[in-house]
Amino acid sequence: MTKIAFGSDHVGFELKPTIIDYVKELGYEIEDLGAYSDKRTDYPIYGKKVGEAVSSGNADLGIVICGTGVGISLAANKVPGIRAACVSEPYSAELSRRHNNSNILAFGSRVVGSELAKMIVKSWLNAKYEGGRHQRRIDELNAEDRKDSKLFNSIVESDNPKYQD
């Protein structure tokens, strides 16, 4: 069963249980990494926790929520191997999985309501990574995570058939 790690700051706290319940209804296992109240806290704590859970393999995917989704996605993206996409509508959520192989979804509780958030989550979870020409970009991002400029440049210049549709 696919396991999804959740995290939010105090602003995303109110929306998080609704989305957790929805994801459970869809048949996924969840792990809530906090925050556990609406007491003021810092989004980097929870973006990092979810990023590390996904990066380590303790979770397959992650969903993070703050006021806009921007701050917590930035925090998650600091973890090597994480491709967190901050979106506010279903189409971008879908394409973030199909083209960017995003492994964390971020959105803002001040930007989207619960019903739109559910639509975003469903689109993201139902989408599958396409590979092909998109793999080159993922490999470039992975080289950047490793801070390996030589590898990055070799991928940029590669005519490897795995990067073709």
N, C-alpha and C. Protein backbone atom coordinates (compact mmCIF):
# COMPACT_ATOMS: atom_id res chain seq x y z
N MET A 1 0.84 -1.18 0.00
CA MET A 1 0.00 0.00 0.00
C MET A 1 0.89 1.25 0.00
N THR A 2 0.54 2.21 -0.81
CA THR A 2 1.28 3.46 -0.89
C THR A 2 1.08 4.26 0.40
N LYS A 3 2.20 4.71 0.96
CA LYS A 3 2.17 5.49 2.20
C LYS A 3 2.46 6.95 1.87
N ILE A 4 1.62 7.84 2.39
CA ILE A 4 1.75 9.27 2.16
C ILE A 4 1.98 9.97 3.48
N ALA A 5 3.10 10.71 3.56
CA ALA A 5 3.41 11.51 4.74
C ALA A 5 2.76 12.88 4.58
N PHE A 6 2.17 13.37 5.67
CA PHE A 6 1.53 14.68 5.70
C PHE A 6 2.26 15.60 6.66
N GLY A 7 2.28 16.87 6.31
CA GLY A 7 2.81 17.88 7.21
C GLY A 7 2.15 19.21 6.93
N SER A 8 2.03 20.01 7.97
CA SER A 8 1.51 21.36 7.82
C SER A 8 2.04 22.22 8.94
N ASP A 9 2.01 23.52 8.70
CA ASP A 9 2.25 24.44 9.81
C ASP A 9 0.91 24.74 10.46
N HIS A 10 0.87 25.74 11.33
CA HIS A 10 -0.36 26.07 12.05
C HIS A 10 -1.47 26.57 11.11
N VAL A 11 -1.07 27.21 10.01
CA VAL A 11 -2.07 27.74 9.09
C VAL A 11 -2.73 26.61 8.29
N GLY A 12 -1.97 25.61 7.94
CA GLY A 12 -2.50 24.46 7.20
C GLY A 12 -3.15 23.41 8.08
N PHE A 13 -3.00 23.57 9.39
CA PHE A 13 -3.48 22.57 10.33
C PHE A 13 -4.98 22.28 10.19
N GLU A 14 -5.80 23.29 10.00
CA GLU A 14 -7.25 23.09 9.93
C GLU A 14 -7.67 22.27 8.71
N LEU A 15 -7.01 22.46 7.58
CA LEU A 15 -7.35 21.74 6.35
C LEU A 15 -6.78 20.32 6.34
N LYS A 16 -5.68 20.11 7.01
CA LYS A 16 -4.97 18.83 6.94
C LYS A 16 -5.84 17.62 7.30
N PRO A 17 -6.61 17.61 8.40
CA PRO A 17 -7.42 16.42 8.72
C PRO A 17 -8.44 16.06 7.64
N THR A 18 -9.00 17.06 7.00
CA THR A 18 -9.96 16.82 5.92
C THR A 18 -9.28 16.09 4.77
N ILE A 19 -8.08 16.52 4.43
CA ILE A 19 -7.35 15.90 3.32
C ILE A 19 -6.83 14.52 3.73
N ILE A 20 -6.39 14.38 4.96
CA ILE A 20 -5.97 13.06 5.44
C ILE A 20 -7.12 12.07 5.35
N ASP A 21 -8.30 12.46 5.82
CA ASP A 21 -9.47 11.57 5.76
C ASP A 21 -9.79 11.22 4.30
N TYR A 22 -9.72 12.18 3.41
CA TYR A 22 -10.00 11.95 2.00
C TYR A 22 -9.01 10.95 1.41
N VAL A 23 -7.73 11.13 1.70
CA VAL A 23 -6.70 10.24 1.17
C VAL A 23 -6.87 8.82 1.73
N LYS A 24 -7.26 8.72 2.98
CA LYS A 24 -7.56 7.39 3.56
C LYS A 24 -8.72 6.74 2.81
N GLU A 25 -9.76 7.52 2.51
CA GLU A 25 -10.91 7.00 1.75
C GLU A 25 -10.51 6.49 0.38
N LEU A 26 -9.47 7.10 -0.21
CA LEU A 26 -8.98 6.67 -1.51
C LEU A 26 -8.14 5.40 -1.41
N GLY A 27 -7.87 4.95 -0.18
CA GLY A 27 -7.17 3.69 0.01
C GLY A 27 -5.69 3.78 0.29
N TYR A 28 -5.21 4.93 0.67
CA TYR A 28 -3.79 5.11 0.96
C TYR A 28 -3.55 5.04 2.47
N GLU A 29 -2.34 4.61 2.82
CA GLU A 29 -1.87 4.67 4.20
C GLU A 29 -1.31 6.06 4.43
N ILE A 30 -1.51 6.63 5.59
CA ILE A 30 -0.99 7.97 5.86
C ILE A 30 -0.15 7.96 7.14
N GLU A 31 0.73 8.95 7.20
CA GLU A 31 1.47 9.25 8.43
C GLU A 31 1.45 10.77 8.60
N ASP A 32 0.95 11.22 9.71
CA ASP A 32 0.87 12.65 10.01
C ASP A 32 2.09 13.04 10.82
N LEU A 33 2.93 13.89 10.23
CA LEU A 33 4.18 14.32 10.87
C LEU A 33 4.06 15.68 11.55
N GLY A 34 2.82 16.17 11.72
CA GLY A 34 2.62 17.44 12.40
C GLY A 34 2.36 18.56 11.41
N ALA A 35 2.07 19.69 11.91
CA ALA A 35 1.81 20.12 13.28
C ALA A 35 0.51 19.48 13.77
N TYR A 36 0.42 19.42 15.08
CA TYR A 36 -0.72 18.76 15.69
C TYR A 36 -1.67 19.72 16.39
N SER A 37 -1.48 21.02 16.15
CA SER A 37 -2.39 22.03 16.69
C SER A 37 -2.26 23.29 15.85
N ASP A 38 -3.09 24.27 16.16
CA ASP A 38 -3.00 25.55 15.44
C ASP A 38 -2.10 26.55 16.16
N LYS A 39 -1.31 26.06 17.11
CA LYS A 39 -0.32 26.92 17.79
C LYS A 39 0.76 27.31 16.77
N ARG A 40 1.10 28.60 16.76
CA ARG A 40 2.05 29.13 15.78
C ARG A 40 3.34 28.30 15.76
N THR A 41 3.74 27.95 14.54
CA THR A 41 4.95 27.17 14.34
C THR A 41 5.57 27.55 13.00
N ASP A 42 6.66 26.92 12.63
CA ASP A 42 7.40 27.28 11.42
C ASP A 42 7.26 26.21 10.35
N TYR A 43 6.84 26.60 9.16
CA TYR A 43 6.65 25.65 8.06
C TYR A 43 7.90 24.86 7.69
N PRO A 44 9.14 25.42 7.82
CA PRO A 44 10.31 24.62 7.44
C PRO A 44 10.44 23.31 8.23
N ILE A 45 9.96 23.31 9.46
CA ILE A 45 10.05 22.09 10.28
C ILE A 45 9.31 20.96 9.59
N TYR A 46 8.11 21.22 9.10
CA TYR A 46 7.25 20.18 8.56
C TYR A 46 7.56 19.87 7.10
N GLY A 47 8.00 20.86 6.35
CA GLY A 47 8.48 20.59 4.99
C GLY A 47 9.69 19.67 5.03
N LYS A 48 10.59 19.92 5.97
CA LYS A 48 11.78 19.08 6.14
C LYS A 48 11.40 17.68 6.59
N LYS A 49 10.51 17.56 7.56
CA LYS A 49 10.09 16.23 8.05
C LYS A 49 9.49 15.39 6.93
N VAL A 50 8.60 15.97 6.16
CA VAL A 50 7.97 15.22 5.08
C VAL A 50 8.99 14.93 3.98
N GLY A 51 9.82 15.90 3.65
CA GLY A 51 10.87 15.67 2.65
C GLY A 51 11.79 14.52 3.05
N GLU A 52 12.20 14.50 4.30
CA GLU A 52 13.07 13.42 4.77
C GLU A 52 12.36 12.07 4.78
N ALA A 53 11.08 12.06 5.11
CA ALA A 53 10.32 10.80 5.11
C ALA A 53 10.26 10.22 3.69
N VAL A 54 10.02 11.07 2.70
CA VAL A 54 9.94 10.62 1.32
C VAL A 54 11.33 10.25 0.80
N SER A 55 12.31 11.09 1.05
CA SER A 55 13.67 10.85 0.57
C SER A 55 14.25 9.55 1.12
N SER A 56 13.95 9.25 2.37
CA SER A 56 14.49 8.05 3.02
C SER A 56 13.74 6.78 2.63
N GLY A 57 12.57 6.93 2.03
CA GLY A 57 11.75 5.78 1.70
C GLY A 57 10.79 5.37 2.79
N ASN A 58 10.76 6.12 3.89
CA ASN A 58 9.78 5.82 4.95
C ASN A 58 8.36 6.15 4.51
N ALA A 59 8.23 6.98 3.49
CA ALA A 59 6.95 7.28 2.85
C ALA A 59 7.18 7.28 1.35
N ASP A 60 6.15 6.93 0.60
CA ASP A 60 6.27 6.91 -0.86
C ASP A 60 6.09 8.30 -1.46
N LEU A 61 5.17 9.07 -0.88
CA LEU A 61 4.84 10.40 -1.35
C LEU A 61 4.56 11.29 -0.15
N GLY A 62 4.45 12.59 -0.39
CA GLY A 62 4.12 13.51 0.69
C GLY A 62 3.14 14.57 0.24
N ILE A 63 2.38 15.08 1.20
CA ILE A 63 1.48 16.21 0.97
C ILE A 63 1.73 17.20 2.10
N VAL A 64 1.99 18.46 1.74
CA VAL A 64 2.29 19.50 2.72
C VAL A 64 1.39 20.71 2.49
N ILE A 65 1.02 21.35 3.59
CA ILE A 65 0.08 22.47 3.53
C ILE A 65 0.55 23.58 4.45
N CYS A 66 0.61 24.78 3.91
CA CYS A 66 0.81 25.98 4.74
C CYS A 66 -0.18 27.03 4.23
N GLY A 67 0.07 28.29 4.45
CA GLY A 67 -0.87 29.32 4.02
C GLY A 67 -1.02 29.40 2.52
N THR A 68 0.11 29.42 1.80
CA THR A 68 0.09 29.48 0.34
C THR A 68 0.61 28.21 -0.31
N GLY A 69 1.31 27.39 0.43
CA GLY A 69 1.98 26.21 -0.11
C GLY A 69 3.39 26.50 -0.55
N VAL A 70 3.71 27.77 -0.73
CA VAL A 70 5.03 28.16 -1.25
C VAL A 70 6.12 27.87 -0.23
N GLY A 71 5.99 28.39 0.97
CA GLY A 71 7.05 28.24 1.97
C GLY A 71 7.35 26.80 2.29
N ILE A 72 6.31 26.01 2.52
CA ILE A 72 6.52 24.61 2.91
C ILE A 72 7.08 23.80 1.74
N SER A 73 6.74 24.17 0.50
CA SER A 73 7.33 23.48 -0.66
C SER A 73 8.80 23.83 -0.80
N LEU A 74 9.15 25.07 -0.53
CA LEU A 74 10.56 25.46 -0.57
C LEU A 74 11.36 24.67 0.46
N ALA A 75 10.81 24.51 1.65
CA ALA A 75 11.47 23.75 2.70
C ALA A 75 11.65 22.29 2.29
N ALA A 76 10.61 21.68 1.76
CA ALA A 76 10.70 20.28 1.33
C ALA A 76 11.73 20.12 0.22
N ASN A 77 11.78 21.09 -0.70
CA ASN A 77 12.70 20.99 -1.83
C ASN A 77 14.17 21.14 -1.43
N LYS A 78 14.45 21.54 -0.21
CA LYS A 78 15.83 21.60 0.28
C LYS A 78 16.39 20.20 0.54
N VAL A 79 15.51 19.21 0.67
CA VAL A 79 15.94 17.83 0.93
C VAL A 79 16.31 17.18 -0.40
N PRO A 80 17.53 16.66 -0.53
CA PRO A 80 17.92 16.02 -1.79
C PRO A 80 16.96 14.91 -2.18
N GLY A 81 16.62 14.89 -3.47
CA GLY A 81 15.73 13.88 -4.00
C GLY A 81 14.27 14.28 -3.99
N ILE A 82 13.98 15.43 -3.44
CA ILE A 82 12.59 15.87 -3.36
C ILE A 82 12.26 16.79 -4.53
N ARG A 83 11.08 16.54 -5.08
CA ARG A 83 10.53 17.40 -6.13
C ARG A 83 9.12 17.76 -5.69
N ALA A 84 9.05 18.79 -4.87
CA ALA A 84 7.77 19.26 -4.33
C ALA A 84 7.18 20.29 -5.28
N ALA A 85 5.92 20.08 -5.62
CA ALA A 85 5.22 20.98 -6.53
C ALA A 85 4.14 21.73 -5.76
N CYS A 86 4.22 23.04 -5.79
CA CYS A 86 3.21 23.90 -5.17
C CYS A 86 2.19 24.26 -6.24
N VAL A 87 0.95 23.80 -6.06
CA VAL A 87 -0.08 24.01 -7.07
C VAL A 87 -1.36 24.52 -6.43
N SER A 88 -2.22 25.10 -7.26
CA SER A 88 -3.50 25.58 -6.75
C SER A 88 -4.67 25.16 -7.63
N GLU A 89 -4.41 24.22 -8.56
CA GLU A 89 -5.48 23.67 -9.38
C GLU A 89 -5.05 22.29 -9.88
N PRO A 90 -6.03 21.46 -10.27
CA PRO A 90 -5.75 20.06 -10.60
C PRO A 90 -4.84 19.82 -11.80
N TYR A 91 -4.92 20.65 -12.83
CA TYR A 91 -4.13 20.40 -14.04
C TYR A 91 -2.63 20.47 -13.75
N SER A 92 -2.20 21.47 -13.01
CA SER A 92 -0.78 21.58 -12.66
C SER A 92 -0.35 20.42 -11.76
N ALA A 93 -1.25 20.00 -10.87
CA ALA A 93 -0.94 18.85 -10.01
C ALA A 93 -0.69 17.62 -10.87
N GLU A 94 -1.58 17.37 -11.82
CA GLU A 94 -1.42 16.21 -12.71
C GLU A 94 -0.11 16.28 -13.49
N LEU A 95 0.16 17.43 -14.11
CA LEU A 95 1.38 17.55 -14.91
C LEU A 95 2.64 17.50 -14.06
N SER A 96 2.55 17.92 -12.81
CA SER A 96 3.74 17.83 -11.95
C SER A 96 4.15 16.38 -11.72
N ARG A 97 3.19 15.47 -11.75
CA ARG A 97 3.49 14.03 -11.63
C ARG A 97 3.90 13.46 -12.99
N ARG A 98 3.13 13.78 -14.03
CA ARG A 98 3.39 13.19 -15.34
C ARG A 98 4.72 13.63 -15.93
N HIS A 99 5.07 14.91 -15.78
CA HIS A 99 6.26 15.46 -16.41
C HIS A 99 7.43 15.64 -15.46
N ASN A 100 7.17 15.99 -14.21
CA ASN A 100 8.25 16.30 -13.26
C ASN A 100 8.46 15.23 -12.22
N ASN A 101 7.65 14.18 -12.24
CA ASN A 101 7.72 13.10 -11.26
C ASN A 101 7.75 13.65 -9.84
N SER A 102 6.89 14.63 -9.57
CA SER A 102 6.86 15.22 -8.23
C SER A 102 6.53 14.14 -7.21
N ASN A 103 7.20 14.23 -6.08
CA ASN A 103 6.97 13.25 -5.02
C ASN A 103 6.36 13.88 -3.77
N ILE A 104 6.20 15.19 -3.79
CA ILE A 104 5.48 15.89 -2.73
C ILE A 104 4.57 16.93 -3.39
N LEU A 105 3.35 16.97 -2.90
CA LEU A 105 2.35 17.95 -3.35
C LEU A 105 2.20 19.00 -2.26
N ALA A 106 2.23 20.26 -2.65
CA ALA A 106 2.05 21.36 -1.71
C ALA A 106 0.92 22.26 -2.20
N PHE A 107 0.13 22.75 -1.26
CA PHE A 107 -0.88 23.75 -1.58
C PHE A 107 -1.16 24.58 -0.34
N GLY A 108 -1.88 25.67 -0.54
CA GLY A 108 -2.11 26.61 0.54
C GLY A 108 -3.55 26.62 1.02
N SER A 109 -3.71 26.57 2.32
CA SER A 109 -5.06 26.58 2.89
C SER A 109 -5.73 27.95 2.74
N ARG A 110 -4.93 28.98 2.50
CA ARG A 110 -5.49 30.31 2.27
C ARG A 110 -5.77 30.55 0.79
N VAL A 111 -5.39 29.58 -0.04
CA VAL A 111 -5.53 29.71 -1.49
C VAL A 111 -6.63 28.80 -2.02
N VAL A 112 -6.71 27.58 -1.50
CA VAL A 112 -7.71 26.62 -1.97
C VAL A 112 -8.58 26.15 -0.81
N GLY A 113 -9.83 25.92 -1.07
CA GLY A 113 -10.73 25.36 -0.08
C GLY A 113 -10.65 23.84 -0.08
N SER A 114 -11.40 23.23 0.80
CA SER A 114 -11.30 21.78 0.96
C SER A 114 -11.71 21.00 -0.29
N GLU A 115 -12.76 21.44 -0.97
CA GLU A 115 -13.21 20.69 -2.15
C GLU A 115 -12.21 20.80 -3.31
N LEU A 116 -11.67 21.98 -3.52
CA LEU A 116 -10.65 22.13 -4.56
C LEU A 116 -9.39 21.35 -4.16
N ALA A 117 -9.03 21.38 -2.89
CA ALA A 117 -7.87 20.63 -2.43
C ALA A 117 -8.04 19.14 -2.71
N LYS A 118 -9.24 18.61 -2.50
CA LYS A 118 -9.50 17.20 -2.80
C LYS A 118 -9.33 16.92 -4.30
N MET A 119 -9.80 17.82 -5.14
CA MET A 119 -9.65 17.65 -6.59
C MET A 119 -8.18 17.65 -6.98
N ILE A 120 -7.42 18.54 -6.37
CA ILE A 120 -5.98 18.64 -6.63
C ILE A 120 -5.30 17.33 -6.23
N VAL A 121 -5.60 16.86 -5.03
CA VAL A 121 -4.99 15.63 -4.51
C VAL A 121 -5.34 14.44 -5.40
N LYS A 122 -6.59 14.32 -5.79
CA LYS A 122 -7.01 13.19 -6.62
C LYS A 122 -6.30 13.22 -7.97
N SER A 123 -6.21 14.38 -8.58
CA SER A 123 -5.51 14.50 -9.88
C SER A 123 -4.05 14.11 -9.74
N TRP A 124 -3.42 14.55 -8.66
CA TRP A 124 -2.00 14.26 -8.43
C TRP A 124 -1.79 12.77 -8.18
N LEU A 125 -2.61 12.18 -7.35
CA LEU A 125 -2.44 10.76 -7.03
C LEU A 125 -2.76 9.85 -8.22
N ASN A 126 -3.68 10.24 -9.07
CA ASN A 126 -4.04 9.41 -10.22
C ASN A 126 -3.07 9.52 -11.39
N ALA A 127 -2.26 10.56 -11.41
CA ALA A 127 -1.32 10.76 -12.52
C ALA A 127 -0.10 9.86 -12.36
N LYS A 128 0.46 9.44 -13.46
CA LYS A 128 1.65 8.60 -13.47
C LYS A 128 2.75 9.27 -14.28
N TYR A 129 3.97 9.12 -13.79
CA TYR A 129 5.14 9.68 -14.46
C TYR A 129 5.31 9.07 -15.85
N GLU A 130 5.57 9.91 -16.85
CA GLU A 130 5.68 9.46 -18.23
C GLU A 130 7.07 9.05 -18.65
N GLY A 131 8.11 9.53 -17.97
CA GLY A 131 9.48 9.21 -18.37
C GLY A 131 9.82 9.81 -19.72
N GLY A 132 10.53 9.06 -20.55
CA GLY A 132 10.90 9.54 -21.87
C GLY A 132 11.67 10.84 -21.83
N ARG A 133 11.23 11.80 -22.62
CA ARG A 133 11.95 13.09 -22.71
C ARG A 133 12.02 13.80 -21.36
N HIS A 134 11.11 13.49 -20.46
CA HIS A 134 11.10 14.13 -19.14
C HIS A 134 12.20 13.59 -18.23
N GLN A 135 12.70 12.39 -18.51
CA GLN A 135 13.70 11.78 -17.66
C GLN A 135 15.00 12.58 -17.63
N ARG A 136 15.35 13.19 -18.76
CA ARG A 136 16.57 14.01 -18.79
C ARG A 136 16.52 15.09 -17.71
N ARG A 137 15.38 15.73 -17.57
CA ARG A 137 15.25 16.82 -16.59
C ARG A 137 15.32 16.29 -15.17
N ILE A 138 14.73 15.11 -14.93
CA ILE A 138 14.81 14.50 -13.60
C ILE A 138 16.26 14.14 -13.29
N ASP A 139 16.96 13.58 -14.28
CA ASP A 139 18.37 13.24 -14.08
C ASP A 139 19.20 14.49 -13.83
N GLU A 140 18.88 15.58 -14.50
CA GLU A 140 19.59 16.84 -14.26
C GLU A 140 19.33 17.33 -12.84
N LEU A 141 18.08 17.24 -12.39
CA LEU A 141 17.76 17.64 -11.01
C LEU A 141 18.50 16.77 -10.00
N ASN A 142 18.56 15.47 -10.28
CA ASN A 142 19.28 14.56 -9.37
C ASN A 142 20.77 14.88 -9.32
N ALA A 143 21.35 15.25 -10.46
CA ALA A 143 22.76 15.66 -10.49
C ALA A 143 22.95 16.94 -9.67
N GLU A 144 22.00 17.85 -9.75
CA GLU A 144 22.07 19.08 -8.94
C GLU A 144 21.97 18.76 -7.46
N ASP A 145 21.09 17.81 -7.09
CA ASP A 145 21.00 17.39 -5.70
C ASP A 145 22.35 16.90 -5.18
N ARG A 146 23.09 16.22 -6.05
CA ARG A 146 24.40 15.69 -5.67
C ARG A 146 25.51 16.73 -5.84
N LYS A 147 25.14 17.91 -6.34
CA LYS A 147 26.10 18.98 -6.60
C LYS A 147 27.23 18.50 -7.52
N ASP A 148 26.83 17.74 -8.54
CA ASP A 148 27.77 17.14 -9.48
C ASP A 148 27.64 17.82 -10.84
N SER A 149 28.40 18.90 -11.02
CA SER A 149 28.33 19.68 -12.26
C SER A 149 28.77 18.88 -13.47
N LYS A 150 29.76 18.02 -13.29
CA LYS A 150 30.23 17.21 -14.41
C LYS A 150 29.11 16.28 -14.90
N LEU A 151 28.44 15.62 -13.98
CA LEU A 151 27.32 14.76 -14.34
C LEU A 151 26.21 15.57 -14.98
N PHE A 152 25.89 16.72 -14.38
CA PHE A 152 24.84 17.58 -14.93
C PHE A 152 25.13 17.91 -16.39
N ASN A 153 26.35 18.37 -16.66
CA ASN A 153 26.71 18.76 -18.03
C ASN A 153 26.71 17.57 -18.97
N SER A 154 27.11 16.40 -18.50
CA SER A 154 27.09 15.23 -19.38
C SER A 154 25.66 14.84 -19.74
N ILE A 155 24.72 15.03 -18.82
CA ILE A 155 23.32 14.74 -19.11
C ILE A 155 22.78 15.75 -20.12
N VAL A 156 23.11 17.02 -19.92
CA VAL A 156 22.67 18.08 -20.84
C VAL A 156 23.11 17.77 -22.26
N GLU A 157 24.34 17.28 -22.41
CA GLU A 157 24.92 17.03 -23.73
C GLU A 157 24.62 15.63 -24.27
N SER A 158 23.96 14.81 -23.50
CA SER A 158 23.73 13.41 -23.87
C SER A 158 22.71 13.26 -24.99
N ASP A 159 22.96 12.27 -25.86
CA ASP A 159 21.96 11.89 -26.86
C ASP A 159 21.44 10.48 -26.56
N ASN A 160 21.45 10.13 -25.30
CA ASN A 160 20.98 8.83 -24.83
C ASN A 160 19.53 8.59 -25.28
N PRO A 161 19.26 7.46 -25.89
CA PRO A 161 17.89 7.18 -26.37
C PRO A 161 16.85 7.12 -25.25
N LYS A 162 17.27 6.91 -24.00
CA LYS A 162 16.29 6.85 -22.91
C LYS A 162 15.59 8.20 -22.72
N TYR A 163 16.18 9.26 -23.28
CA TYR A 163 15.58 10.59 -23.16
C TYR A 163 14.62 10.92 -24.31
N GLN A 164 14.34 9.96 -25.14
CA GLN A 164 13.45 10.17 -26.27
C GLN A 164 12.06 9.66 -25.91
N ASP A 165 11.06 10.17 -26.59
CA ASP A 165 9.68 9.68 -26.39
C ASP A 165 9.51 8.32 -27.01
